[in-house]
Amino acid sequence: MPLGRVPQSSYYDAQNRPTAALYRARQPYLIRNTITGLCIMGFVAGVYSYTIRAIGQDDFSDIPMPDAPVQSGALVGSSGSAPAKKQ
């Protein structure tokens, strides 16, 4: 084997494409992995939908609303004239 050359894996050819051996090795796990993925996605969808429904039913009427923030003096009650300058 020449120096600097990395041996090729038996599952990939020279162009780094998967070979038939890789597909055969993955075959027994295809169905189980698909079912597991669907179960995980179903669980995530269930948690998401439960959370959205729980938040949607919440009533915030018992929480006191704070007063509106005080704006700067130039904007509050301005009549269109320039603010008075301090001397």
PDB file of N, CA and C in Angstrom:
ATOM      1  N   MET A   1       0.857  -1.169   0.000  1.00  0.00           N
ATOM      2  CA  MET A   1       0.000   0.000   0.000  1.00  0.00           C
ATOM      3  C   MET A   1       0.899   1.226   0.000  1.00  0.00           C
ATOM      4  N   PRO A   2       0.667   2.172  -0.936  1.00  0.00           N
ATOM      5  CA  PRO A   2       1.503   3.370  -1.000  1.00  0.00           C
ATOM      6  C   PRO A   2       1.255   4.278   0.199  1.00  0.00           C
ATOM      7  N   LEU A   3       2.283   5.006   0.562  1.00  0.00           N
ATOM      8  CA  LEU A   3       2.154   5.944   1.678  1.00  0.00           C
ATOM      9  C   LEU A   3       1.194   7.065   1.319  1.00  0.00           C
ATOM     10  N   GLY A   4       0.417   7.520   2.319  1.00  0.00           N
ATOM     11  CA  GLY A   4      -0.506   8.614   2.090  1.00  0.00           C
ATOM     12  C   GLY A   4      -1.868   8.188   1.583  1.00  0.00           C
ATOM     13  N   ARG A   5      -2.024   6.960   1.220  1.00  0.00           N
ATOM     14  CA  ARG A   5      -3.310   6.499   0.724  1.00  0.00           C
ATOM     15  C   ARG A   5      -4.093   5.852   1.860  1.00  0.00           C
ATOM     16  N   VAL A   6      -5.321   6.274   2.050  1.00  0.00           N
ATOM     17  CA  VAL A   6      -6.182   5.725   3.082  1.00  0.00           C
ATOM     18  C   VAL A   6      -6.963   4.565   2.480  1.00  0.00           C
ATOM     19  N   PRO A   7      -7.000   3.426   3.167  1.00  0.00           N
ATOM     20  CA  PRO A   7      -7.754   2.295   2.611  1.00  0.00           C
ATOM     21  C   PRO A   7      -9.241   2.622   2.518  1.00  0.00           C
ATOM     22  N   GLN A   8      -9.881   2.158   1.465  1.00  0.00           N
ATOM     23  CA  GLN A   8     -11.295   2.410   1.249  1.00  0.00           C
ATOM     24  C   GLN A   8     -12.136   1.489   2.123  1.00  0.00           C
ATOM     25  N   SER A   9     -13.239   2.005   2.622  1.00  0.00           N
ATOM     26  CA  SER A   9     -14.183   1.204   3.374  1.00  0.00           C
ATOM     27  C   SER A   9     -14.889   0.248   2.416  1.00  0.00           C
ATOM     28  N   SER A  10     -15.282  -0.878   2.920  1.00  0.00           N
ATOM     29  CA  SER A  10     -15.962  -1.837   2.055  1.00  0.00           C
ATOM     30  C   SER A  10     -17.390  -1.412   1.736  1.00  0.00           C
ATOM     31  N   TYR A  11     -17.913  -0.432   2.453  1.00  0.00           N
ATOM     32  CA  TYR A  11     -19.291   0.012   2.226  1.00  0.00           C
ATOM     33  C   TYR A  11     -19.391   1.151   1.226  1.00  0.00           C
ATOM     34  N   TYR A  12     -18.265   1.747   0.814  1.00  0.00           N
ATOM     35  CA  TYR A  12     -18.286   2.852  -0.144  1.00  0.00           C
ATOM     36  C   TYR A  12     -17.289   2.576  -1.259  1.00  0.00           C
ATOM     37  N   ASP A  13     -17.643   2.984  -2.474  1.00  0.00           N
ATOM     38  CA  ASP A  13     -16.729   2.779  -3.592  1.00  0.00           C
ATOM     39  C   ASP A  13     -15.759   3.956  -3.701  1.00  0.00           C
ATOM     40  N   ALA A  14     -14.993   3.999  -4.775  1.00  0.00           N
ATOM     41  CA  ALA A  14     -13.960   5.028  -4.940  1.00  0.00           C
ATOM     42  C   ALA A  14     -14.558   6.430  -5.053  1.00  0.00           C
ATOM     43  N   GLN A  15     -15.781   6.551  -5.543  1.00  0.00           N
ATOM     44  CA  GLN A  15     -16.446   7.852  -5.645  1.00  0.00           C
ATOM     45  C   GLN A  15     -17.270   8.181  -4.402  1.00  0.00           C
ATOM     46  N   ASN A  16     -17.060   7.420  -3.323  1.00  0.00           N
ATOM     47  CA  ASN A  16     -17.736   7.617  -2.032  1.00  0.00           C
ATOM     48  C   ASN A  16     -19.252   7.431  -2.134  1.00  0.00           C
ATOM     49  N   ARG A  17     -19.675   6.540  -3.008  1.00  0.00           N
ATOM     50  CA  ARG A  17     -21.086   6.188  -3.123  1.00  0.00           C
ATOM     51  C   ARG A  17     -21.332   4.905  -2.355  1.00  0.00           C
ATOM     52  N   PRO A  18     -22.491   4.753  -1.713  1.00  0.00           N
ATOM     53  CA  PRO A  18     -22.770   3.522  -0.975  1.00  0.00           C
ATOM     54  C   PRO A  18     -22.884   2.329  -1.917  1.00  0.00           C
ATOM     55  N   THR A  19     -22.396   1.206  -1.456  1.00  0.00           N
ATOM     56  CA  THR A  19     -22.454  -0.012  -2.261  1.00  0.00           C
ATOM     57  C   THR A  19     -23.640  -0.866  -1.829  1.00  0.00           C
ATOM     58  N   ALA A  20     -23.827  -1.955  -2.535  1.00  0.00           N
ATOM     59  CA  ALA A  20     -24.919  -2.869  -2.211  1.00  0.00           C
ATOM     60  C   ALA A  20     -24.721  -3.479  -0.825  1.00  0.00           C
ATOM     61  N   ALA A  21     -23.468  -3.654  -0.405  1.00  0.00           N
ATOM     62  CA  ALA A  21     -23.207  -4.212   0.919  1.00  0.00           C
ATOM     63  C   ALA A  21     -23.739  -3.299   2.021  1.00  0.00           C
ATOM     64  N   LEU A  22     -23.637  -1.988   1.833  1.00  0.00           N
ATOM     65  CA  LEU A  22     -24.164  -1.058   2.833  1.00  0.00           C
ATOM     66  C   LEU A  22     -25.679  -1.151   2.910  1.00  0.00           C
ATOM     67  N   TYR A  23     -26.317  -1.240   1.754  1.00  0.00           N
ATOM     68  CA  TYR A  23     -27.782  -1.388   1.757  1.00  0.00           C
ATOM     69  C   TYR A  23     -28.202  -2.692   2.426  1.00  0.00           C
ATOM     70  N   ARG A  24     -27.478  -3.764   2.196  1.00  0.00           N
ATOM     71  CA  ARG A  24     -27.794  -5.038   2.853  1.00  0.00           C
ATOM     72  C   ARG A  24     -27.578  -4.947   4.359  1.00  0.00           C
ATOM     73  N   ALA A  25     -26.549  -4.237   4.795  1.00  0.00           N
ATOM     74  CA  ALA A  25     -26.276  -4.117   6.223  1.00  0.00           C
ATOM     75  C   ALA A  25     -27.342  -3.277   6.921  1.00  0.00           C
ATOM     76  N   ARG A  26     -27.911  -2.323   6.233  1.00  0.00           N
ATOM     77  CA  ARG A  26     -28.942  -1.456   6.829  1.00  0.00           C
ATOM     78  C   ARG A  26     -30.336  -2.071   6.769  1.00  0.00           C
ATOM     79  N   GLN A  27     -30.537  -3.042   5.935  1.00  0.00           N
ATOM     80  CA  GLN A  27     -31.857  -3.631   5.705  1.00  0.00           C
ATOM     81  C   GLN A  27     -32.576  -4.078   6.983  1.00  0.00           C
ATOM     82  N   PRO A  28     -31.937  -4.813   7.901  1.00  0.00           N
ATOM     83  CA  PRO A  28     -32.680  -5.276   9.080  1.00  0.00           C
ATOM     84  C   PRO A  28     -33.151  -4.154   9.996  1.00  0.00           C
ATOM     85  N   TYR A  29     -32.530  -3.000   9.929  1.00  0.00           N
ATOM     86  CA  TYR A  29     -32.869  -1.910  10.840  1.00  0.00           C
ATOM     87  C   TYR A  29     -33.825  -0.899  10.246  1.00  0.00           C
ATOM     88  N   LEU A  30     -34.161  -1.036   8.977  1.00  0.00           N
ATOM     89  CA  LEU A  30     -34.984  -0.056   8.290  1.00  0.00           C
ATOM     90  C   LEU A  30     -36.376   0.067   8.918  1.00  0.00           C
ATOM     91  N   ILE A  31     -37.048  -1.041   9.135  1.00  0.00           N
ATOM     92  CA  ILE A  31     -38.417  -1.013   9.669  1.00  0.00           C
ATOM     93  C   ILE A  31     -38.413  -0.518  11.116  1.00  0.00           C
ATOM     94  N   ARG A  32     -37.500  -1.045  11.938  1.00  0.00           N
ATOM     95  CA  ARG A  32     -37.451  -0.618  13.343  1.00  0.00           C
ATOM     96  C   ARG A  32     -37.128   0.860  13.474  1.00  0.00           C
ATOM     97  N   ASN A  33     -36.184   1.350  12.677  1.00  0.00           N
ATOM     98  CA  ASN A  33     -35.844   2.772  12.738  1.00  0.00           C
ATOM     99  C   ASN A  33     -36.997   3.647  12.265  1.00  0.00           C
ATOM    100  N   THR A  34     -37.729   3.206  11.257  1.00  0.00           N
ATOM    101  CA  THR A  34     -38.876   3.955  10.776  1.00  0.00           C
ATOM    102  C   THR A  34     -39.961   4.027  11.840  1.00  0.00           C
ATOM    103  N   ILE A  35     -40.258   2.913  12.470  1.00  0.00           N
ATOM    104  CA  ILE A  35     -41.274   2.889  13.526  1.00  0.00           C
ATOM    105  C   ILE A  35     -40.844   3.755  14.703  1.00  0.00           C
ATOM    106  N   THR A  36     -39.577   3.665  15.097  1.00  0.00           N
ATOM    107  CA  THR A  36     -39.078   4.491  16.203  1.00  0.00           C
ATOM    108  C   THR A  36     -39.177   5.969  15.859  1.00  0.00           C
ATOM    109  N   GLY A  37     -38.810   6.353  14.651  1.00  0.00           N
ATOM    110  CA  GLY A  37     -38.908   7.748  14.227  1.00  0.00           C
ATOM    111  C   GLY A  37     -40.342   8.250  14.233  1.00  0.00           C
ATOM    112  N   LEU A  38     -41.276   7.417  13.774  1.00  0.00           N
ATOM    113  CA  LEU A  38     -42.690   7.809  13.789  1.00  0.00           C
ATOM    114  C   LEU A  38     -43.213   7.960  15.210  1.00  0.00           C
ATOM    115  N   CYS A  39     -42.781   7.085  16.115  1.00  0.00           N
ATOM    116  CA  CYS A  39     -43.195   7.201  17.516  1.00  0.00           C
ATOM    117  C   CYS A  39     -42.664   8.484  18.152  1.00  0.00           C
ATOM    118  N   ILE A  40     -41.429   8.811  17.890  1.00  0.00           N
ATOM    119  CA  ILE A  40     -40.854  10.043  18.440  1.00  0.00           C
ATOM    120  C   ILE A  40     -41.568  11.268  17.869  1.00  0.00           C
ATOM    121  N   MET A  41     -41.825  11.262  16.562  1.00  0.00           N
ATOM    122  CA  MET A  41     -42.540  12.390  15.958  1.00  0.00           C
ATOM    123  C   MET A  41     -43.958  12.508  16.514  1.00  0.00           C
ATOM    124  N   GLY A  42     -44.634  11.387  16.757  1.00  0.00           N
ATOM    125  CA  GLY A  42     -45.970  11.414  17.346  1.00  0.00           C
ATOM    126  C   GLY A  42     -45.958  11.964  18.758  1.00  0.00           C
ATOM    127  N   PHE A  43     -44.946  11.584  19.539  1.00  0.00           N
ATOM    128  CA  PHE A  43     -44.821  12.100  20.898  1.00  0.00           C
ATOM    129  C   PHE A  43     -44.599  13.611  20.883  1.00  0.00           C
ATOM    130  N   VAL A  44     -43.731  14.075  20.019  1.00  0.00           N
ATOM    131  CA  VAL A  44     -43.452  15.515  19.920  1.00  0.00           C
ATOM    132  C   VAL A  44     -44.710  16.271  19.493  1.00  0.00           C
ATOM    133  N   ALA A  45     -45.440  15.752  18.528  1.00  0.00           N
ATOM    134  CA  ALA A  45     -46.678  16.403  18.080  1.00  0.00           C
ATOM    135  C   ALA A  45     -47.710  16.433  19.199  1.00  0.00           C
ATOM    136  N   GLY A  46     -47.795  15.361  19.985  1.00  0.00           N
ATOM    137  CA  GLY A  46     -48.731  15.330  21.104  1.00  0.00           C
ATOM    138  C   GLY A  46     -48.382  16.346  22.172  1.00  0.00           C
ATOM    139  N   VAL A  47     -47.121  16.442  22.523  1.00  0.00           N
ATOM    140  CA  VAL A  47     -46.697  17.424  23.527  1.00  0.00           C
ATOM    141  C   VAL A  47     -46.956  18.835  23.022  1.00  0.00           C
ATOM    142  N   TYR A  48     -46.655  19.079  21.753  1.00  0.00           N
ATOM    143  CA  TYR A  48     -46.877  20.405  21.176  1.00  0.00           C
ATOM    144  C   TYR A  48     -48.361  20.768  21.202  1.00  0.00           C
ATOM    145  N   SER A  49     -49.225  19.868  20.747  1.00  0.00           N
ATOM    146  CA  SER A  49     -50.654  20.178  20.711  1.00  0.00           C
ATOM    147  C   SER A  49     -51.228  20.333  22.116  1.00  0.00           C
ATOM    148  N   TYR A  50     -50.777  19.528  23.069  1.00  0.00           N
ATOM    149  CA  TYR A  50     -51.236  19.667  24.447  1.00  0.00           C
ATOM    150  C   TYR A  50     -50.827  21.032  25.009  1.00  0.00           C
ATOM    151  N   THR A  51     -49.606  21.453  24.729  1.00  0.00           N
ATOM    152  CA  THR A  51     -49.120  22.727  25.238  1.00  0.00           C
ATOM    153  C   THR A  51     -49.899  23.892  24.642  1.00  0.00           C
ATOM    154  N   ILE A  52     -50.163  23.844  23.354  1.00  0.00           N
ATOM    155  CA  ILE A  52     -50.919  24.919  22.713  1.00  0.00           C
ATOM    156  C   ILE A  52     -52.333  24.989  23.282  1.00  0.00           C
ATOM    157  N   ARG A  53     -52.958  23.858  23.502  1.00  0.00           N
ATOM    158  CA  ARG A  53     -54.313  23.858  24.081  1.00  0.00           C
ATOM    159  C   ARG A  53     -54.309  24.342  25.521  1.00  0.00           C
ATOM    160  N   ALA A  54     -53.318  23.952  26.302  1.00  0.00           N
ATOM    161  CA  ALA A  54     -53.252  24.376  27.696  1.00  0.00           C
ATOM    162  C   ALA A  54     -53.038  25.881  27.802  1.00  0.00           C
ATOM    163  N   ILE A  55     -52.220  26.435  26.951  1.00  0.00           N
ATOM    164  CA  ILE A  55     -51.979  27.879  26.973  1.00  0.00           C
ATOM    165  C   ILE A  55     -53.199  28.627  26.460  1.00  0.00           C
ATOM    166  N   GLY A  56     -53.869  28.084  25.488  1.00  0.00           N
ATOM    167  CA  GLY A  56     -55.043  28.739  24.922  1.00  0.00           C
ATOM    168  C   GLY A  56     -56.188  28.840  25.909  1.00  0.00           C
ATOM    169  N   GLN A  57     -56.273  27.965  26.885  1.00  0.00           N
ATOM    170  CA  GLN A  57     -57.346  27.982  27.866  1.00  0.00           C
ATOM    171  C   GLN A  57     -57.026  28.857  29.071  1.00  0.00           C
ATOM    172  N   ASP A  58     -55.831  29.383  29.153  1.00  0.00           N
ATOM    173  CA  ASP A  58     -55.426  30.182  30.303  1.00  0.00           C
ATOM    174  C   ASP A  58     -56.114  31.535  30.267  1.00  0.00           C
ATOM    175  N   ASP A  59     -56.574  31.980  31.449  1.00  0.00           N
ATOM    176  CA  ASP A  59     -57.252  33.266  31.575  1.00  0.00           C
ATOM    177  C   ASP A  59     -56.368  34.185  32.413  1.00  0.00           C
ATOM    178  N   PHE A  60     -55.983  35.305  31.862  1.00  0.00           N
ATOM    179  CA  PHE A  60     -55.082  36.214  32.547  1.00  0.00           C
ATOM    180  C   PHE A  60     -55.826  37.373  33.205  1.00  0.00           C
ATOM    181  N   SER A  61     -57.128  37.246  33.430  1.00  0.00           N
ATOM    182  CA  SER A  61     -57.898  38.352  34.007  1.00  0.00           C
ATOM    183  C   SER A  61     -57.544  38.597  35.475  1.00  0.00           C
ATOM    184  N   ASP A  62     -56.972  37.632  36.160  1.00  0.00           N
ATOM    185  CA  ASP A  62     -56.637  37.817  37.571  1.00  0.00           C
ATOM    186  C   ASP A  62     -55.296  38.515  37.779  1.00  0.00           C
ATOM    187  N   ILE A  63     -54.569  38.781  36.702  1.00  0.00           N
ATOM    188  CA  ILE A  63     -53.270  39.442  36.803  1.00  0.00           C
ATOM    189  C   ILE A  63     -53.476  40.931  36.588  1.00  0.00           C
ATOM    190  N   PRO A  64     -53.037  41.762  37.556  1.00  0.00           N
ATOM    191  CA  PRO A  64     -53.233  43.207  37.388  1.00  0.00           C
ATOM    192  C   PRO A  64     -52.358  43.750  36.259  1.00  0.00           C
ATOM    193  N   MET A  65     -52.940  44.642  35.468  1.00  0.00           N
ATOM    194  CA  MET A  65     -52.215  45.250  34.364  1.00  0.00           C
ATOM    195  C   MET A  65     -51.458  46.468  34.880  1.00  0.00           C
ATOM    196  N   PRO A  66     -50.180  46.608  34.541  1.00  0.00           N
ATOM    197  CA  PRO A  66     -49.429  47.791  34.985  1.00  0.00           C
ATOM    198  C   PRO A  66     -49.872  49.025  34.202  1.00  0.00           C
ATOM    199  N   ASP A  67     -49.609  50.193  34.794  1.00  0.00           N
ATOM    200  CA  ASP A  67     -49.938  51.440  34.117  1.00  0.00           C
ATOM    201  C   ASP A  67     -49.068  51.594  32.877  1.00  0.00           C
ATOM    202  N   ALA A  68     -49.538  52.421  31.969  1.00  0.00           N
ATOM    203  CA  ALA A  68     -48.775  52.682  30.757  1.00  0.00           C
ATOM    204  C   ALA A  68     -47.481  53.388  31.129  1.00  0.00           C
ATOM    205  N   PRO A  69     -46.390  53.132  30.422  1.00  0.00           N
ATOM    206  CA  PRO A  69     -45.129  53.796  30.753  1.00  0.00           C
ATOM    207  C   PRO A  69     -45.216  55.298  30.504  1.00  0.00           C
ATOM    208  N   VAL A  70     -44.547  56.060  31.362  1.00  0.00           N
ATOM    209  CA  VAL A  70     -44.546  57.511  31.231  1.00  0.00           C
ATOM    210  C   VAL A  70     -43.617  57.894  30.089  1.00  0.00           C
ATOM    211  N   GLN A  71     -44.147  58.715  29.182  1.00  0.00           N
ATOM    212  CA  GLN A  71     -43.357  59.156  28.044  1.00  0.00           C
ATOM    213  C   GLN A  71     -42.626  60.442  28.395  1.00  0.00           C
ATOM    214  N   SER A  72     -41.668  60.814  27.576  1.00  0.00           N
ATOM    215  CA  SER A  72     -40.890  62.022  27.858  1.00  0.00           C
ATOM    216  C   SER A  72     -41.791  63.248  27.839  1.00  0.00           C
ATOM    217  N   GLY A  73     -41.387  64.295  28.551  1.00  0.00           N
ATOM    218  CA  GLY A  73     -42.197  65.504  28.705  1.00  0.00           C
ATOM    219  C   GLY A  73     -42.519  66.196  27.408  1.00  0.00           C
ATOM    220  N   ALA A  74     -41.676  66.109  26.417  1.00  0.00           N
ATOM    221  CA  ALA A  74     -41.925  66.788  25.147  1.00  0.00           C
ATOM    222  C   ALA A  74     -43.084  66.153  24.397  1.00  0.00           C
ATOM    223  N   LEU A  75     -43.316  64.869  24.606  1.00  0.00           N
ATOM    224  CA  LEU A  75     -44.370  64.188  23.854  1.00  0.00           C
ATOM    225  C   LEU A  75     -45.698  64.169  24.579  1.00  0.00           C
ATOM    226  N   VAL A  76     -45.678  64.267  25.907  1.00  0.00           N
ATOM    227  CA  VAL A  76     -46.907  64.197  26.672  1.00  0.00           C
ATOM    228  C   VAL A  76     -47.612  65.528  26.581  1.00  0.00           C
ATOM    229  N   GLY A  77     -48.812  65.538  26.078  1.00  0.00           N
ATOM    230  CA  GLY A  77     -49.644  66.754  26.020  1.00  0.00           C
ATOM    231  C   GLY A  77     -49.057  67.837  25.147  1.00  0.00           C
ATOM    232  N   SER A  78     -48.274  67.491  24.178  1.00  0.00           N
ATOM    233  CA  SER A  78     -47.678  68.539  23.338  1.00  0.00           C
ATOM    234  C   SER A  78     -48.765  69.104  22.434  1.00  0.00           C
ATOM    235  N   SER A  79     -48.723  70.418  22.252  1.00  0.00           N
ATOM    236  CA  SER A  79     -49.730  71.084  21.428  1.00  0.00           C
ATOM    237  C   SER A  79     -49.177  71.466  20.070  1.00  0.00           C
ATOM    238  N   GLY A  80     -48.062  70.894  19.712  1.00  0.00           N
ATOM    239  CA  GLY A  80     -47.500  71.196  18.417  1.00  0.00           C
ATOM    240  C   GLY A  80     -46.418  72.251  18.484  1.00  0.00           C
ATOM    241  N   SER A  81     -46.294  72.917  19.602  1.00  0.00           N
ATOM    242  CA  SER A  81     -45.256  73.938  19.706  1.00  0.00           C
ATOM    243  C   SER A  81     -43.990  73.308  20.267  1.00  0.00           C
ATOM    244  N   ALA A  82     -42.884  74.008  20.080  1.00  0.00           N
ATOM    245  CA  ALA A  82     -41.598  73.514  20.564  1.00  0.00           C
ATOM    246  C   ALA A  82     -41.569  73.600  22.085  1.00  0.00           C
ATOM    247  N   PRO A  83     -40.883  72.663  22.744  1.00  0.00           N
ATOM    248  CA  PRO A  83     -40.813  72.704  24.207  1.00  0.00           C
ATOM    249  C   PRO A  83     -39.996  73.919  24.662  1.00  0.00           C
ATOM    250  N   ALA A  84     -40.364  74.403  25.828  1.00  0.00           N
ATOM    251  CA  ALA A  84     -39.691  75.576  26.379  1.00  0.00           C
ATOM    252  C   ALA A  84     -38.269  75.207  26.773  1.00  0.00           C
ATOM    253  N   LYS A  85     -37.326  76.142  26.502  1.00  0.00           N
ATOM    254  CA  LYS A  85     -35.934  75.914  26.852  1.00  0.00           C
ATOM    255  C   LYS A  85     -35.692  76.322  28.286  1.00  0.00           C
ATOM    256  N   LYS A  86     -34.845  75.557  28.988  1.00  0.00           N
ATOM    257  CA  LYS A  86     -34.483  75.910  30.358  1.00  0.00           C
ATOM    258  C   LYS A  86     -33.342  76.919  30.308  1.00  0.00           C
ATOM    259  N   GLN A  87     -33.392  77.872  31.229  1.00  0.00           N
ATOM    260  CA  GLN A  87     -32.325  78.883  31.266  1.00  0.00           C
ATOM    261  C   GLN A  87     -31.493  78.754  32.501  1.00  0.00           C
TER     262      GLN A  87
END
